[in-house]
Structures are given as structure tokens and as C-alpha cells.
Amino acid sequence: MKCTILALTGCPVSSVTGPLEILSLANSFVAPQGAMDLSILGESDQQISCANKLTLTAHNTINNVNQTDIIIIGAIGKPSEKSFHIRPETLNWIRHQHQQGAQIVSICTGAFVLAATGLLDNKQATTHWACERVFKALFPKVLLQVNALLTQDGSVFCSGGASAYQDMTLFLIRQHFGDLIAHQCAKAMLIDLDRRQQNNYAQFQPSRQHNDSLIHTLQDWLDQNATSQFQVAILANQIHLSERQLKRRFKQATGESPLNYIQALRIEIAKYKLENSNDHIAAIGRKSGYEDTRFFRQLFKRYTGLSPSEYRSKSSFIPL
């Protein structure tokens, strides 16, 4: 079984060496004849300039590898719509390997590379939660499930942000070596096996990359007054629009409805208070704009995948 890890210029080193180390650990638990043949590949050069001014020496380049069983595509930093570009030769090599039966796996923003091949069109995928807006703009045919930590659709696999490479690598170990080896690796690496979503790690990032000055004004007001009690009609009056006009323009500018935008701001406030105070859940709900504690709990779980108490136990900086 041959597994190659593709390292591209600007990659965070851990997204390449992390899977290599965990898979190497799995190899140590099996007989030599059952071990994976592991290697790191560069595109056209074995010397790869990585993030944080680090240089990685790959074992080989894609030009010299004609067949592999698994390709793991490392992350590529934080792409933008204007700067994202991958060499056509690299995309063709990935497509060719997939046609020959290889499994293709992306780590974090490596999903951008996988999507650029077209292999994710009309298929489920995930990537780092902070890159959702750019990914959707670049690859509208992909069925992005950004809250998912891992996705599998046929023989293409994606993992979410940053340390989700651990979860993906354990998934591959379970698939190719079995549950026992996966659990041994998880215990040795101190990795939790119960992570399923990344939305409890995500932060709301309001879109301000638009040219609608009225909506910018409204966003500024909401930043200061998100927890106040008001209706959407009041917001519309502030910028002299009808409620219908406001909803249309707000959605067009930010990608969110006014209601969802306000709720997301309030949930971020609640998360901060859960992390940094010992206030009761009901009090935090009120301070975040919700008098109805039951509704606050339901809304919080909808956005984060966790109840307020569960979130506090995982994220609090204050001794409980």
C-alpha cells in the first residue's frame, strides 16, 4: 500500500508531517509486510518553501511517481479568490491517480486543490471553517459541509481545519489497519476519537468585503448594539429602507439574513462570556440578548453543536 503526501509551496508543515508521523506510528504496530509505503512529494522540486519561513525536503516529486494508492494533499495556508492558483500539471497528476483508483484525501485548505481538479463537483466536502466564503465563491458546484470535521464521498475525503488532520489520519488507519490499530495510535498520540464537528471551534466572521455603505453603517451599529432588543423593521428605518429592501440588500452584501447575522453576533458574545466568566447560563443568555433561556440554549446548540454547559467545559479559561 503506497501513500504519498503532497506538500505544496506555503504549506503549514504540520499538515504534511503530522499525517506522516501518525501513519508511521501505525506502521510500527503491524508486521512489516502490512505497513504502508510512505513518502512526501513536491510538485517539481524536492525543496519546498513552507509557511513560517521553513523549508521541507520531500522524498520525491510527482514527476517521478506514476502510481500510488492514497494521496494526502496538505494544507495550502489561507487562499483568497484573487491569489489561488495551482499548477495544471499538479491537478492533472491528481486526476490521473484518481482514475487509476487512488483515494484522494485533503487536509484543511488542501480541499481547494482537490476542488480545483473537479473531483469534488457535486460531492460533499469540508475545509477550514474560516475559508467557507472563499471556497463557495470559487467552487459553487461542491456540496460544502463546513461544519463537518470529516467528509467522504466515494473515494474522495476531506478534513476540516488545522488539527483535523489527526482525525482524518486516524480514519484512514481505521479503514486500512482496523479499529485496534486506530485506538492504539489515538492513545499513543493523546488524540480524542469523539470529535465529529468543527462548528464548536468556529468564530463568526462578518463579511465586510462589499461596497454597500448603508449596510456598512448598519453593521457598525450592530457591532455596538447586538444585544439590544429591536426588530428588523427598526433597522430598516435607521437607513431609510423598507423591511423587504433591507433584507434583500443585507443578504446580497453579507451573505446572511439580518436575523441570522444578529443571532451569530449574539452567540459570539455568549461564547466569550462562557469562556471568561462563571455567570449562570440564564444570566449569559440575558446579557447576550435572550430573556428566554430555553430558546437561548437551543439557538446556541444550533450554532455550535454543543449546549452552553458543554461549550463552557471544553473552552472555559476560568476554573469551574
C-alpha atoms as a PDB file:
ATOM      1  CA  MET A   1       0.000   0.000   0.000  1.00  0.00           C
ATOM      2  CA  LYS A   2       1.634   3.228  -1.190  1.00  0.00           C
ATOM      3  CA  CYS A   3       0.627   6.517   0.446  1.00  0.00           C
ATOM      4  CA  THR A   4       2.013   9.802  -0.827  1.00  0.00           C
ATOM      5  CA  ILE A   5       1.632  13.154   0.929  1.00  0.00           C
ATOM      6  CA  LEU A   6       1.642  16.166  -1.382  1.00  0.00           C
ATOM      7  CA  ALA A   7       3.387  19.243   0.017  1.00  0.00           C
ATOM      8  CA  LEU A   8       2.753  22.485  -1.864  1.00  0.00           C
ATOM      9  CA  THR A   9       4.515  25.828  -1.596  1.00  0.00           C
ATOM     10  CA  GLY A  10       3.401  27.731   1.513  1.00  0.00           C
ATOM     11  CA  CYS A  11       2.007  24.673   3.277  1.00  0.00           C
ATOM     12  CA  PRO A  12       1.848  24.557   7.095  1.00  0.00           C
ATOM     13  CA  VAL A  13       4.402  21.840   7.854  1.00  0.00           C
ATOM     14  CA  SER A  14       2.168  20.031  10.366  1.00  0.00           C
ATOM     15  CA  SER A  15      -0.436  19.275   7.680  1.00  0.00           C
ATOM     16  CA  VAL A  16       2.246  17.231   5.892  1.00  0.00           C
ATOM     17  CA  THR A  17       4.457  15.854   8.649  1.00  0.00           C
ATOM     18  CA  GLY A  18       1.528  15.268  11.047  1.00  0.00           C
ATOM     19  CA  PRO A  19      -0.166  12.596   8.893  1.00  0.00           C
ATOM     20  CA  LEU A  20       3.271  11.126   8.131  1.00  0.00           C
ATOM     21  CA  GLU A  21       4.083  10.723  11.829  1.00  0.00           C
ATOM     22  CA  ILE A  22       0.732   9.162  12.748  1.00  0.00           C
ATOM     23  CA  LEU A  23       0.824   6.760   9.798  1.00  0.00           C
ATOM     24  CA  SER A  24       4.421   5.870  10.693  1.00  0.00           C
ATOM     25  CA  LEU A  25       3.217   5.087  14.214  1.00  0.00           C
ATOM     26  CA  ALA A  26       0.532   2.801  12.760  1.00  0.00           C
ATOM     27  CA  ASN A  27       3.239   1.052  10.730  1.00  0.00           C
ATOM     28  CA  SER A  28       5.114   0.300  13.956  1.00  0.00           C
ATOM     29  CA  PHE A  29       2.110  -1.670  15.251  1.00  0.00           C
ATOM     30  CA  VAL A  30       1.840  -4.022  12.248  1.00  0.00           C
ATOM     31  CA  ALA A  31       4.038  -6.592  10.558  1.00  0.00           C
ATOM     32  CA  PRO A  32       6.490  -5.111   8.005  1.00  0.00           C
ATOM     33  CA  GLN A  33       4.691  -6.691   5.073  1.00  0.00           C
ATOM     34  CA  GLY A  34       1.455  -4.952   6.107  1.00  0.00           C
ATOM     35  CA  ALA A  35       2.981  -1.483   6.560  1.00  0.00           C
ATOM     36  CA  MET A  36       2.287   1.471   4.279  1.00  0.00           C
ATOM     37  CA  ASP A  37       4.990   2.786   1.966  1.00  0.00           C
ATOM     38  CA  LEU A  38       5.030   6.471   2.991  1.00  0.00           C
ATOM     39  CA  SER A  39       6.584   9.406   1.171  1.00  0.00           C
ATOM     40  CA  ILE A  40       6.299  13.184   0.871  1.00  0.00           C
ATOM     41  CA  LEU A  41       6.120  14.592  -2.653  1.00  0.00           C
ATOM     42  CA  GLY A  42       6.882  18.040  -4.001  1.00  0.00           C
ATOM     43  CA  GLU A  43       5.486  19.366  -7.248  1.00  0.00           C
ATOM     44  CA  SER A  44       8.602  19.946  -9.364  1.00  0.00           C
ATOM     45  CA  ASP A  45      11.249  20.386  -6.671  1.00  0.00           C
ATOM     46  CA  GLN A  46      12.089  18.409  -3.543  1.00  0.00           C
ATOM     47  CA  GLN A  47      12.929  21.635  -1.684  1.00  0.00           C
ATOM     48  CA  ILE A  48       9.587  23.081  -0.563  1.00  0.00           C
ATOM     49  CA  SER A  49       9.208  26.570   0.900  1.00  0.00           C
ATOM     50  CA  CYS A  50       6.650  26.174   3.683  1.00  0.00           C
ATOM     51  CA  ALA A  51       4.816  28.552   5.977  1.00  0.00           C
ATOM     52  CA  ASN A  52       6.741  30.428   8.672  1.00  0.00           C
ATOM     53  CA  LYS A  53       9.953  30.501   6.571  1.00  0.00           C
ATOM     54  CA  LEU A  54      10.556  26.769   6.962  1.00  0.00           C
ATOM     55  CA  THR A  55      11.949  24.533   4.221  1.00  0.00           C
ATOM     56  CA  LEU A  56      10.942  20.897   3.829  1.00  0.00           C
ATOM     57  CA  THR A  57      12.878  18.340   1.789  1.00  0.00           C
ATOM     58  CA  ALA A  58      10.481  15.932   0.088  1.00  0.00           C
ATOM     59  CA  HIS A  59      11.320  12.320  -0.719  1.00  0.00           C
ATOM     60  CA  ASN A  60      10.411  12.761  -4.368  1.00  0.00           C
ATOM     61  CA  THR A  61       8.352  14.791  -6.842  1.00  0.00           C
ATOM     62  CA  ILE A  62       5.120  13.992  -8.639  1.00  0.00           C
ATOM     63  CA  ASN A  63       7.051  13.772 -11.922  1.00  0.00           C
ATOM     64  CA  ASN A  64       8.664  10.543 -10.700  1.00  0.00           C
ATOM     65  CA  VAL A  65       5.603   8.832  -9.210  1.00  0.00           C
ATOM     66  CA  ASN A  66       3.404   7.017 -11.707  1.00  0.00           C
ATOM     67  CA  GLN A  67       1.185   5.127  -9.277  1.00  0.00           C
ATOM     68  CA  THR A  68       0.024   5.480  -5.687  1.00  0.00           C
ATOM     69  CA  ASP A  69      -2.876   4.112  -3.645  1.00  0.00           C
ATOM     70  CA  ILE A  70      -3.535   7.138  -1.419  1.00  0.00           C
ATOM     71  CA  ILE A  71      -2.778  10.818  -1.981  1.00  0.00           C
ATOM     72  CA  ILE A  72      -2.946  13.129   1.027  1.00  0.00           C
ATOM     73  CA  ILE A  73      -2.981  16.779  -0.050  1.00  0.00           C
ATOM     74  CA  GLY A  74      -1.538  19.020   2.649  1.00  0.00           C
ATOM     75  CA  ALA A  75      -2.993  22.424   3.506  1.00  0.00           C
ATOM     76  CA  ILE A  76      -2.024  25.494   1.467  1.00  0.00           C
ATOM     77  CA  GLY A  77      -2.438  28.270   4.024  1.00  0.00           C
ATOM     78  CA  LYS A  78      -5.418  30.627   3.671  1.00  0.00           C
ATOM     79  CA  PRO A  79      -6.366  31.030  -0.005  1.00  0.00           C
ATOM     80  CA  SER A  80      -8.101  34.060  -1.459  1.00  0.00           C
ATOM     81  CA  GLU A  81     -10.209  34.390  -4.581  1.00  0.00           C
ATOM     82  CA  LYS A  82      -7.537  36.561  -6.211  1.00  0.00           C
ATOM     83  CA  SER A  83      -4.387  34.634  -5.321  1.00  0.00           C
ATOM     84  CA  PHE A  84      -5.445  30.978  -5.508  1.00  0.00           C
ATOM     85  CA  HIS A  85      -3.597  29.109  -8.257  1.00  0.00           C
ATOM     86  CA  ILE A  86      -2.316  25.543  -8.595  1.00  0.00           C
ATOM     87  CA  ARG A  87      -0.096  24.277 -11.406  1.00  0.00           C
ATOM     88  CA  PRO A  88      -2.143  22.480 -14.111  1.00  0.00           C
ATOM     89  CA  GLU A  89       0.443  19.661 -14.091  1.00  0.00           C
ATOM     90  CA  THR A  90      -0.291  19.005 -10.427  1.00  0.00           C
ATOM     91  CA  LEU A  91      -4.044  18.921 -10.973  1.00  0.00           C
ATOM     92  CA  ASN A  92      -3.623  16.572 -13.935  1.00  0.00           C
ATOM     93  CA  TRP A  93      -1.432  14.251 -11.847  1.00  0.00           C
ATOM     94  CA  ILE A  94      -4.071  14.059  -9.095  1.00  0.00           C
ATOM     95  CA  ARG A  95      -6.829  13.381 -11.641  1.00  0.00           C
ATOM     96  CA  HIS A  96      -4.738  10.655 -13.281  1.00  0.00           C
ATOM     97  CA  GLN A  97      -4.066   8.930  -9.964  1.00  0.00           C
ATOM     98  CA  HIS A  98      -7.764   9.061  -9.126  1.00  0.00           C
ATOM     99  CA  GLN A  99      -8.614   7.487 -12.498  1.00  0.00           C
ATOM    100  CA  GLN A 100      -6.219   4.668 -11.616  1.00  0.00           C
ATOM    101  CA  GLY A 101      -8.112   4.023  -8.379  1.00  0.00           C
ATOM    102  CA  ALA A 102      -6.253   6.095  -5.799  1.00  0.00           C
ATOM    103  CA  GLN A 103      -8.053   7.521  -2.790  1.00  0.00           C
ATOM    104  CA  ILE A 104      -7.649  11.305  -2.640  1.00  0.00           C
ATOM    105  CA  VAL A 105      -7.583  12.982   0.771  1.00  0.00           C
ATOM    106  CA  SER A 106      -7.396  16.702   1.529  1.00  0.00           C
ATOM    107  CA  ILE A 107      -6.194  18.249   4.764  1.00  0.00           C
ATOM    108  CA  CYS A 108      -7.721  21.611   5.759  1.00  0.00           C
ATOM    109  CA  THR A 109      -7.336  24.057   2.826  1.00  0.00           C
ATOM    110  CA  GLY A 110      -5.923  21.256   0.702  1.00  0.00           C
ATOM    111  CA  ALA A 111      -9.619  20.936  -0.205  1.00  0.00           C
ATOM    112  CA  PHE A 112      -9.109  23.934  -2.513  1.00  0.00           C
ATOM    113  CA  VAL A 113      -6.588  21.900  -4.505  1.00  0.00           C
ATOM    114  CA  LEU A 114      -8.855  18.875  -4.596  1.00  0.00           C
ATOM    115  CA  ALA A 115     -11.802  21.011  -5.673  1.00  0.00           C
ATOM    116  CA  ALA A 116      -9.708  22.607  -8.431  1.00  0.00           C
ATOM    117  CA  THR A 117      -9.328  19.158 -10.029  1.00  0.00           C
ATOM    118  CA  GLY A 118     -13.114  18.949 -10.442  1.00  0.00           C
ATOM    119  CA  LEU A 119     -13.206  15.710  -8.443  1.00  0.00           C
ATOM    120  CA  LEU A 120     -15.388  17.352  -5.778  1.00  0.00           C
ATOM    121  CA  ASP A 121     -18.041  18.669  -8.173  1.00  0.00           C
ATOM    122  CA  ASN A 122     -21.484  17.668  -6.860  1.00  0.00           C
ATOM    123  CA  LYS A 123     -19.828  15.872  -3.939  1.00  0.00           C
ATOM    124  CA  GLN A 124     -19.702  16.601  -0.219  1.00  0.00           C
ATOM    125  CA  ALA A 125     -16.592  18.253   1.138  1.00  0.00           C
ATOM    126  CA  THR A 126     -15.289  20.270   4.061  1.00  0.00           C
ATOM    127  CA  THR A 127     -12.415  22.657   4.705  1.00  0.00           C
ATOM    128  CA  HIS A 128     -11.331  25.125   7.377  1.00  0.00           C
ATOM    129  CA  TRP A 129     -14.400  26.977   8.703  1.00  0.00           C
ATOM    130  CA  ALA A 130     -12.715  30.365   8.182  1.00  0.00           C
ATOM    131  CA  CYS A 131     -12.445  29.720   4.415  1.00  0.00           C
ATOM    132  CA  GLU A 132     -16.115  28.927   3.812  1.00  0.00           C
ATOM    133  CA  ARG A 133     -16.981  32.113   1.919  1.00  0.00           C
ATOM    134  CA  VAL A 134     -13.962  31.988  -0.413  1.00  0.00           C
ATOM    135  CA  PHE A 135     -14.423  28.265  -1.081  1.00  0.00           C
ATOM    136  CA  LYS A 136     -18.071  28.703  -2.026  1.00  0.00           C
ATOM    137  CA  ALA A 137     -17.207  31.568  -4.354  1.00  0.00           C
ATOM    138  CA  LEU A 138     -14.504  29.582  -6.127  1.00  0.00           C
ATOM    139  CA  PHE A 139     -16.247  26.203  -6.222  1.00  0.00           C
ATOM    140  CA  PRO A 140     -20.035  26.625  -6.291  1.00  0.00           C
ATOM    141  CA  LYS A 141     -20.557  23.063  -7.599  1.00  0.00           C
ATOM    142  CA  VAL A 142     -19.102  21.487  -4.459  1.00  0.00           C
ATOM    143  CA  LEU A 143     -21.558  20.494  -1.709  1.00  0.00           C
ATOM    144  CA  LEU A 144     -19.645  22.156   1.112  1.00  0.00           C
ATOM    145  CA  GLN A 145     -20.442  20.852   4.616  1.00  0.00           C
ATOM    146  CA  VAL A 146     -18.266  23.281   6.522  1.00  0.00           C
ATOM    147  CA  ASN A 147     -19.473  22.171   9.966  1.00  0.00           C
ATOM    148  CA  ALA A 148     -18.287  18.622   9.316  1.00  0.00           C
ATOM    149  CA  LEU A 149     -14.888  17.626  10.664  1.00  0.00           C
ATOM    150  CA  LEU A 150     -14.553  14.899   8.008  1.00  0.00           C
ATOM    151  CA  THR A 151     -16.373  14.062   4.795  1.00  0.00           C
ATOM    152  CA  GLN A 152     -16.247  11.085   2.473  1.00  0.00           C
ATOM    153  CA  ASP A 153     -17.936  10.918  -0.914  1.00  0.00           C
ATOM    154  CA  GLY A 154     -16.846   7.882  -2.872  1.00  0.00           C
ATOM    155  CA  SER A 155     -13.055   7.776  -2.971  1.00  0.00           C
ATOM    156  CA  VAL A 156     -12.510  11.456  -2.105  1.00  0.00           C
ATOM    157  CA  PHE A 157     -12.083  12.530   1.519  1.00  0.00           C
ATOM    158  CA  CYS A 158     -11.766  15.946   3.187  1.00  0.00           C
ATOM    159  CA  SER A 159     -10.902  17.092   6.695  1.00  0.00           C
ATOM    160  CA  GLY A 160     -11.662  20.414   8.366  1.00  0.00           C
ATOM    161  CA  GLY A 161      -9.301  22.967   9.839  1.00  0.00           C
ATOM    162  CA  ALA A 162      -5.889  22.692  11.442  1.00  0.00           C
ATOM    163  CA  SER A 163      -5.605  19.667  13.771  1.00  0.00           C
ATOM    164  CA  ALA A 164      -8.383  17.791  11.958  1.00  0.00           C
ATOM    165  CA  TYR A 165      -5.526  16.092  10.092  1.00  0.00           C
ATOM    166  CA  GLN A 166      -5.320  13.907  13.208  1.00  0.00           C
ATOM    167  CA  ASP A 167      -8.930  12.803  12.853  1.00  0.00           C
ATOM    168  CA  MET A 168      -8.536  12.138   9.125  1.00  0.00           C
ATOM    169  CA  THR A 169      -5.347  10.144   9.601  1.00  0.00           C
ATOM    170  CA  LEU A 170      -6.979   8.012  12.290  1.00  0.00           C
ATOM    171  CA  PHE A 171      -9.917   7.491   9.935  1.00  0.00           C
ATOM    172  CA  LEU A 172      -7.528   6.205   7.267  1.00  0.00           C
ATOM    173  CA  ILE A 173      -5.781   3.972   9.807  1.00  0.00           C
ATOM    174  CA  ARG A 174      -9.116   2.525  10.884  1.00  0.00           C
ATOM    175  CA  GLN A 175     -10.018   1.926   7.242  1.00  0.00           C
ATOM    176  CA  HIS A 176      -6.739   0.257   6.250  1.00  0.00           C
ATOM    177  CA  PHE A 177      -5.432  -1.248   9.509  1.00  0.00           C
ATOM    178  CA  GLY A 178      -8.598  -1.760  11.586  1.00  0.00           C
ATOM    179  CA  ASP A 179     -10.097  -0.386  14.809  1.00  0.00           C
ATOM    180  CA  LEU A 180      -7.489  -1.873  17.147  1.00  0.00           C
ATOM    181  CA  ILE A 181      -4.541  -0.132  15.479  1.00  0.00           C
ATOM    182  CA  ALA A 182      -6.510   3.135  15.265  1.00  0.00           C
ATOM    183  CA  HIS A 183      -7.204   3.026  19.006  1.00  0.00           C
ATOM    184  CA  GLN A 184      -3.575   2.227  19.774  1.00  0.00           C
ATOM    185  CA  CYS A 185      -2.459   5.222  17.753  1.00  0.00           C
ATOM    186  CA  ALA A 186      -5.055   7.510  19.354  1.00  0.00           C
ATOM    187  CA  LYS A 187      -3.910   6.506  22.840  1.00  0.00           C
ATOM    188  CA  ALA A 188      -0.232   6.919  21.993  1.00  0.00           C
ATOM    189  CA  MET A 189      -0.825  10.375  20.433  1.00  0.00           C
ATOM    190  CA  LEU A 190      -3.346  11.539  23.087  1.00  0.00           C
ATOM    191  CA  ILE A 191      -5.975  12.188  20.406  1.00  0.00           C
ATOM    192  CA  ASP A 192      -9.708  12.172  21.175  1.00  0.00           C
ATOM    193  CA  LEU A 193     -11.767   9.858  18.994  1.00  0.00           C
ATOM    194  CA  ASP A 194     -15.106  11.577  19.628  1.00  0.00           C
ATOM    195  CA  ARG A 195     -14.714  14.736  17.536  1.00  0.00           C
ATOM    196  CA  ARG A 196     -17.338  14.996  14.798  1.00  0.00           C
ATOM    197  CA  GLN A 197     -17.863  18.686  14.006  1.00  0.00           C
ATOM    198  CA  GLN A 198     -15.833  21.861  13.758  1.00  0.00           C
ATOM    199  CA  ASN A 199     -18.642  24.372  14.272  1.00  0.00           C
ATOM    200  CA  ASN A 200     -17.979  24.451  18.028  1.00  0.00           C
ATOM    201  CA  TYR A 201     -14.499  25.814  17.161  1.00  0.00           C
ATOM    202  CA  ALA A 202     -15.673  28.298  14.526  1.00  0.00           C
ATOM    203  CA  GLN A 203     -15.939  32.042  15.020  1.00  0.00           C
ATOM    204  CA  PHE A 204     -18.432  34.207  13.185  1.00  0.00           C
ATOM    205  CA  GLN A 205     -16.608  36.368  10.653  1.00  0.00           C
ATOM    206  CA  PRO A 206     -18.956  39.087   9.381  1.00  0.00           C
ATOM    207  CA  SER A 207     -18.445  39.855   5.726  1.00  0.00           C
ATOM    208  CA  ARG A 208     -17.457  43.466   5.142  1.00  0.00           C
ATOM    209  CA  GLN A 209     -15.891  42.948   1.709  1.00  0.00           C
ATOM    210  CA  HIS A 210     -18.691  44.744  -0.080  1.00  0.00           C
ATOM    211  CA  ASN A 211     -19.378  48.293  -1.278  1.00  0.00           C
ATOM    212  CA  ASP A 212     -22.824  48.926   0.204  1.00  0.00           C
ATOM    213  CA  SER A 213     -22.226  51.905   2.508  1.00  0.00           C
ATOM    214  CA  LEU A 214     -25.695  51.670   4.054  1.00  0.00           C
ATOM    215  CA  ILE A 215     -25.098  48.068   5.093  1.00  0.00           C
ATOM    216  CA  HIS A 216     -21.642  49.020   6.420  1.00  0.00           C
ATOM    217  CA  THR A 217     -23.343  51.650   8.572  1.00  0.00           C
ATOM    218  CA  LEU A 218     -25.827  49.100   9.847  1.00  0.00           C
ATOM    219  CA  GLN A 219     -23.065  46.592  10.593  1.00  0.00           C
ATOM    220  CA  ASP A 220     -21.240  49.242  12.627  1.00  0.00           C
ATOM    221  CA  TRP A 221     -24.411  49.874  14.625  1.00  0.00           C
ATOM    222  CA  LEU A 222     -24.980  46.158  15.207  1.00  0.00           C
ATOM    223  CA  ASP A 223     -21.422  45.726  16.470  1.00  0.00           C
ATOM    224  CA  GLN A 224     -22.315  48.107  19.315  1.00  0.00           C
ATOM    225  CA  ASN A 225     -25.954  47.147  19.880  1.00  0.00           C
ATOM    226  CA  ALA A 226     -26.319  43.458  19.019  1.00  0.00           C
ATOM    227  CA  THR A 227     -27.721  42.552  22.446  1.00  0.00           C
ATOM    228  CA  SER A 228     -30.340  45.322  22.461  1.00  0.00           C
ATOM    229  CA  GLN A 229     -33.998  44.447  21.946  1.00  0.00           C
ATOM    230  CA  PHE A 230     -35.158  45.556  18.499  1.00  0.00           C
ATOM    231  CA  GLN A 231     -36.919  44.312  15.386  1.00  0.00           C
ATOM    232  CA  VAL A 232     -35.659  44.170  11.814  1.00  0.00           C
ATOM    233  CA  ALA A 233     -38.174  46.879  10.889  1.00  0.00           C
ATOM    234  CA  ILE A 234     -36.362  49.257  13.256  1.00  0.00           C
ATOM    235  CA  LEU A 235     -33.072  48.543  11.496  1.00  0.00           C
ATOM    236  CA  ALA A 236     -34.706  49.277   8.148  1.00  0.00           C
ATOM    237  CA  ASN A 237     -35.985  52.628   9.420  1.00  0.00           C
ATOM    238  CA  GLN A 238     -32.482  53.614  10.532  1.00  0.00           C
ATOM    239  CA  ILE A 239     -31.195  53.511   6.963  1.00  0.00           C
ATOM    240  CA  HIS A 240     -34.486  54.619   5.360  1.00  0.00           C
ATOM    241  CA  LEU A 241     -35.319  51.356   3.621  1.00  0.00           C
ATOM    242  CA  SER A 242     -38.385  49.163   3.714  1.00  0.00           C
ATOM    243  CA  GLU A 243     -38.003  45.920   5.650  1.00  0.00           C
ATOM    244  CA  ARG A 244     -38.107  43.977   2.377  1.00  0.00           C
ATOM    245  CA  GLN A 245     -35.410  46.175   0.804  1.00  0.00           C
ATOM    246  CA  LEU A 246     -33.221  45.795   3.879  1.00  0.00           C
ATOM    247  CA  LYS A 247     -33.443  42.005   3.881  1.00  0.00           C
ATOM    248  CA  ARG A 248     -32.575  41.839   0.182  1.00  0.00           C
ATOM    249  CA  ARG A 249     -29.626  44.251   0.361  1.00  0.00           C
ATOM    250  CA  PHE A 250     -28.282  42.830   3.617  1.00  0.00           C
ATOM    251  CA  LYS A 251     -28.296  39.290   2.236  1.00  0.00           C
ATOM    252  CA  GLN A 252     -26.701  40.432  -1.019  1.00  0.00           C
ATOM    253  CA  ALA A 253     -23.926  42.284   0.810  1.00  0.00           C
ATOM    254  CA  THR A 254     -23.105  39.930   3.687  1.00  0.00           C
ATOM    255  CA  GLY A 255     -24.393  36.549   2.562  1.00  0.00           C
ATOM    256  CA  GLU A 256     -26.563  36.378   5.693  1.00  0.00           C
ATOM    257  CA  SER A 257     -30.108  37.399   6.511  1.00  0.00           C
ATOM    258  CA  PRO A 258     -30.330  40.177   9.130  1.00  0.00           C
ATOM    259  CA  LEU A 259     -31.783  37.714  11.659  1.00  0.00           C
ATOM    260  CA  ASN A 260     -29.035  35.123  11.173  1.00  0.00           C
ATOM    261  CA  TYR A 261     -26.408  37.855  11.313  1.00  0.00           C
ATOM    262  CA  ILE A 262     -27.728  39.208  14.619  1.00  0.00           C
ATOM    263  CA  GLN A 263     -28.017  35.721  16.100  1.00  0.00           C
ATOM    264  CA  ALA A 264     -24.442  34.905  15.094  1.00  0.00           C
ATOM    265  CA  LEU A 265     -23.151  38.106  16.722  1.00  0.00           C
ATOM    266  CA  ARG A 266     -25.035  37.296  19.917  1.00  0.00           C
ATOM    267  CA  ILE A 267     -23.736  33.722  20.008  1.00  0.00           C
ATOM    268  CA  GLU A 268     -20.161  35.047  19.742  1.00  0.00           C
ATOM    269  CA  ILE A 269     -20.864  37.295  22.731  1.00  0.00           C
ATOM    270  CA  ALA A 270     -22.263  34.332  24.652  1.00  0.00           C
ATOM    271  CA  LYS A 271     -19.225  32.187  23.787  1.00  0.00           C
ATOM    272  CA  TYR A 272     -16.886  34.874  25.118  1.00  0.00           C
ATOM    273  CA  LYS A 273     -18.829  35.113  28.381  1.00  0.00           C
ATOM    274  CA  LEU A 274     -18.891  31.317  28.767  1.00  0.00           C
ATOM    275  CA  GLU A 275     -15.135  31.192  28.266  1.00  0.00           C
ATOM    276  CA  ASN A 276     -14.297  34.080  30.575  1.00  0.00           C
ATOM    277  CA  SER A 277     -16.837  34.141  33.409  1.00  0.00           C
ATOM    278  CA  ASN A 278     -18.628  31.922  35.892  1.00  0.00           C
ATOM    279  CA  ASP A 279     -22.004  33.543  35.232  1.00  0.00           C
ATOM    280  CA  HIS A 280     -25.046  31.292  35.216  1.00  0.00           C
ATOM    281  CA  ILE A 281     -26.277  30.182  31.786  1.00  0.00           C
ATOM    282  CA  ALA A 282     -29.507  32.140  32.161  1.00  0.00           C
ATOM    283  CA  ALA A 283     -27.575  35.303  33.013  1.00  0.00           C
ATOM    284  CA  ILE A 284     -25.316  34.844  29.993  1.00  0.00           C
ATOM    285  CA  GLY A 285     -28.389  34.358  27.817  1.00  0.00           C
ATOM    286  CA  ARG A 286     -29.841  37.664  29.050  1.00  0.00           C
ATOM    287  CA  LYS A 287     -26.542  39.506  28.563  1.00  0.00           C
ATOM    288  CA  SER A 288     -26.412  38.120  25.022  1.00  0.00           C
ATOM    289  CA  GLY A 289     -29.878  39.416  24.178  1.00  0.00           C
ATOM    290  CA  TYR A 290     -32.142  36.472  25.090  1.00  0.00           C
ATOM    291  CA  GLU A 291     -34.580  36.560  28.011  1.00  0.00           C
ATOM    292  CA  ASP A 292     -35.882  33.081  27.153  1.00  0.00           C
ATOM    293  CA  THR A 293     -33.189  30.732  28.488  1.00  0.00           C
ATOM    294  CA  ARG A 294     -34.648  27.686  26.770  1.00  0.00           C
ATOM    295  CA  PHE A 295     -34.564  29.404  23.377  1.00  0.00           C
ATOM    296  CA  PHE A 296     -31.020  30.620  24.059  1.00  0.00           C
ATOM    297  CA  ARG A 297     -29.860  27.079  24.804  1.00  0.00           C
ATOM    298  CA  GLN A 298     -31.490  25.752  21.619  1.00  0.00           C
ATOM    299  CA  LEU A 299     -30.023  28.518  19.488  1.00  0.00           C
ATOM    300  CA  PHE A 300     -26.558  28.112  20.987  1.00  0.00           C
ATOM    301  CA  LYS A 301     -26.542  24.397  20.205  1.00  0.00           C
ATOM    302  CA  ARG A 302     -27.766  25.049  16.665  1.00  0.00           C
ATOM    303  CA  TYR A 303     -24.795  27.326  16.011  1.00  0.00           C
ATOM    304  CA  THR A 304     -22.058  25.454  17.874  1.00  0.00           C
ATOM    305  CA  GLY A 305     -23.175  21.830  18.083  1.00  0.00           C
ATOM    306  CA  LEU A 306     -22.817  21.999  21.879  1.00  0.00           C
ATOM    307  CA  SER A 307     -25.003  23.098  24.752  1.00  0.00           C
ATOM    308  CA  PRO A 308     -23.741  26.191  26.641  1.00  0.00           C
ATOM    309  CA  SER A 309     -22.598  23.956  29.508  1.00  0.00           C
ATOM    310  CA  GLU A 310     -20.750  21.600  27.166  1.00  0.00           C
ATOM    311  CA  TYR A 311     -19.095  24.531  25.432  1.00  0.00           C
ATOM    312  CA  ARG A 312     -18.001  26.003  28.763  1.00  0.00           C
ATOM    313  CA  SER A 313     -16.469  22.705  29.924  1.00  0.00           C
ATOM    314  CA  LYS A 314     -14.415  22.467  26.708  1.00  0.00           C
ATOM    315  CA  SER A 315     -13.458  26.104  26.280  1.00  0.00           C
ATOM    316  CA  SER A 316     -13.525  27.939  29.599  1.00  0.00           C
ATOM    317  CA  PHE A 317     -10.438  29.836  30.770  1.00  0.00           C
ATOM    318  CA  ILE A 318     -11.999  30.209  34.228  1.00  0.00           C
ATOM    319  CA  PRO A 319     -11.703  27.333  36.799  1.00  0.00           C
ATOM    320  CA  LEU A 320     -15.111  25.685  37.102  1.00  0.00           C
END
